[in-house]
Amino acid sequence: MGLDGAHVDGNNRPMGLSDRRNGARSGKRSKDAQAVKVQLDNPWPPGGTLGVITIGGRTFHKNTDCPGYRQGVRQAEKKGWTINKVEHIRAAAARDRGKGACRRCWPRA
């Protein structure tokens, strides 16, 4: 706590309510940031390979039959989130948009 009784983070700046709700107080990295790092390390198919993404998803899949894609849909439904439309896109464009390659569609060799 700061001198005035306000919560401060590691940089000694006052923390707002949204900072505490988002876990900034704990100083831990979010699981999403770690997951994206792992996904970006996965091997990518050739740039012209056609696959699917969704606006809210982090991953580029071969198609909607992928177990990883279906798991993401189940998790979103369980949390009450809206399921975004599937967009057919080439691998190079998906990578440019910050998506990671699905480890189930394109496993490491």
Protein backbone atom coordinates (compact mmCIF):
# COMPACT_ATOMS: atom_id res chain seq x y z
CA MET A 1 0.00 0.00 0.00
CA GLY A 2 1.08 3.53 -0.70
CA LEU A 3 1.42 6.24 1.88
CA ASP A 4 -2.16 7.37 1.27
CA GLY A 5 -3.51 3.84 1.79
CA ALA A 6 -4.03 3.17 -1.94
CA HIS A 7 -2.89 -0.14 -3.39
CA VAL A 8 0.20 0.18 -5.59
CA ASP A 9 1.75 -2.25 -8.02
CA GLY A 10 5.43 -3.22 -8.36
CA ASN A 11 6.15 0.04 -10.20
CA ASN A 12 4.74 1.99 -7.25
CA ARG A 13 1.80 3.31 -9.25
CA PRO A 14 -1.75 3.32 -7.85
CA MET A 15 -3.79 0.34 -8.96
CA GLY A 16 -7.31 0.80 -10.20
CA LEU A 17 -10.11 -1.64 -9.54
CA SER A 18 -9.70 -3.16 -13.01
CA ASP A 19 -6.00 -3.82 -12.32
CA ARG A 20 -6.87 -5.86 -9.22
CA ARG A 21 -9.64 -7.74 -11.02
CA ASN A 22 -7.28 -8.64 -13.86
CA GLY A 23 -4.67 -10.08 -11.52
CA ALA A 24 -2.10 -7.30 -11.83
CA ARG A 25 -1.64 -7.35 -8.06
CA SER A 26 -0.26 -10.88 -8.07
CA GLY A 27 2.50 -10.05 -10.57
CA LYS A 28 1.89 -13.31 -12.44
CA ARG A 29 1.65 -13.58 -16.21
CA SER A 30 -1.74 -14.55 -17.49
CA LYS A 31 -2.33 -18.07 -18.76
CA ASP A 32 -3.39 -16.62 -22.12
CA ALA A 33 -0.01 -14.97 -22.64
CA GLN A 34 1.72 -18.27 -21.91
CA ALA A 35 -0.62 -20.20 -24.21
CA VAL A 36 -0.03 -17.79 -27.09
CA LYS A 37 3.75 -18.16 -26.66
CA VAL A 38 3.45 -21.93 -26.97
CA GLN A 39 1.14 -21.64 -29.98
CA LEU A 40 3.49 -19.25 -31.77
CA ASP A 41 6.32 -21.77 -31.29
CA ASN A 42 4.34 -24.52 -33.08
CA PRO A 43 5.43 -25.37 -36.63
CA TRP A 44 3.53 -23.61 -39.40
CA PRO A 45 2.23 -25.17 -42.60
CA PRO A 46 3.21 -23.57 -45.93
CA GLY A 47 1.85 -20.02 -46.33
CA GLY A 48 -0.70 -20.98 -48.96
CA THR A 49 -2.35 -23.68 -46.83
CA LEU A 50 -6.07 -23.04 -46.36
CA GLY A 51 -7.52 -23.34 -42.87
CA VAL A 52 -9.93 -21.69 -40.44
CA ILE A 53 -9.84 -19.10 -37.66
CA THR A 54 -12.39 -17.18 -35.65
CA ILE A 55 -12.20 -13.53 -34.64
CA GLY A 56 -11.94 -14.35 -30.93
CA GLY A 57 -9.79 -17.47 -31.27
CA ARG A 58 -6.02 -17.60 -30.97
CA THR A 59 -5.41 -20.58 -33.24
CA PHE A 60 -5.26 -21.46 -36.95
CA HIS A 61 -6.81 -24.91 -37.63
CA LYS A 62 -7.04 -27.15 -40.72
CA ASN A 63 -10.84 -27.29 -40.40
CA THR A 64 -13.68 -27.31 -37.88
CA ASP A 65 -13.31 -31.08 -37.38
CA CYS A 66 -10.10 -30.45 -35.39
CA PRO A 67 -10.40 -31.67 -31.78
CA GLY A 68 -8.64 -28.49 -30.62
CA TYR A 69 -11.18 -26.29 -32.42
CA ARG A 70 -14.10 -28.28 -30.99
CA GLN A 71 -12.61 -28.04 -27.49
CA GLY A 72 -12.38 -24.26 -27.85
CA VAL A 73 -16.03 -24.10 -28.91
CA ARG A 74 -17.08 -26.25 -25.93
CA GLN A 75 -15.14 -24.02 -23.53
CA ALA A 76 -16.69 -20.87 -25.00
CA GLU A 77 -20.18 -22.37 -24.74
CA LYS A 78 -19.54 -23.41 -21.13
CA LYS A 79 -18.54 -19.83 -20.28
CA GLY A 80 -21.58 -18.43 -22.07
CA TRP A 81 -19.52 -16.68 -24.74
CA THR A 82 -20.75 -16.04 -28.26
CA ILE A 83 -19.35 -18.49 -30.80
CA ASN A 84 -17.79 -16.45 -33.59
CA LYS A 85 -18.20 -17.28 -37.26
CA VAL A 86 -15.48 -19.33 -38.89
CA GLU A 87 -13.34 -17.53 -41.44
CA HIS A 88 -11.50 -19.49 -44.14
CA ILE A 89 -8.03 -18.03 -44.50
CA ARG A 90 -4.53 -18.91 -45.72
CA ALA A 91 -1.79 -19.76 -43.20
CA ALA A 92 0.34 -16.70 -44.04
CA ALA A 93 -2.60 -14.35 -43.41
CA ALA A 94 -3.48 -16.09 -40.13
CA ARG A 95 0.09 -15.72 -38.93
CA ASP A 96 0.09 -12.03 -39.90
CA ARG A 97 -3.03 -11.60 -37.77
CA GLY A 98 -1.26 -13.02 -34.73
CA LYS A 99 -2.82 -16.47 -34.68
CA GLY A 100 -0.86 -19.52 -33.60
CA ALA A 101 -0.75 -22.82 -35.47
CA CYS A 102 -2.82 -25.59 -33.87
CA ARG A 103 -0.58 -28.25 -32.36
CA ARG A 104 -3.12 -30.95 -33.17
CA CYS A 105 -3.47 -29.98 -36.83
CA TRP A 106 0.28 -29.47 -37.32
CA PRO A 107 2.16 -31.43 -34.63
CA ARG A 108 5.88 -31.04 -34.10
CA ALA A 109 7.97 -33.51 -36.07
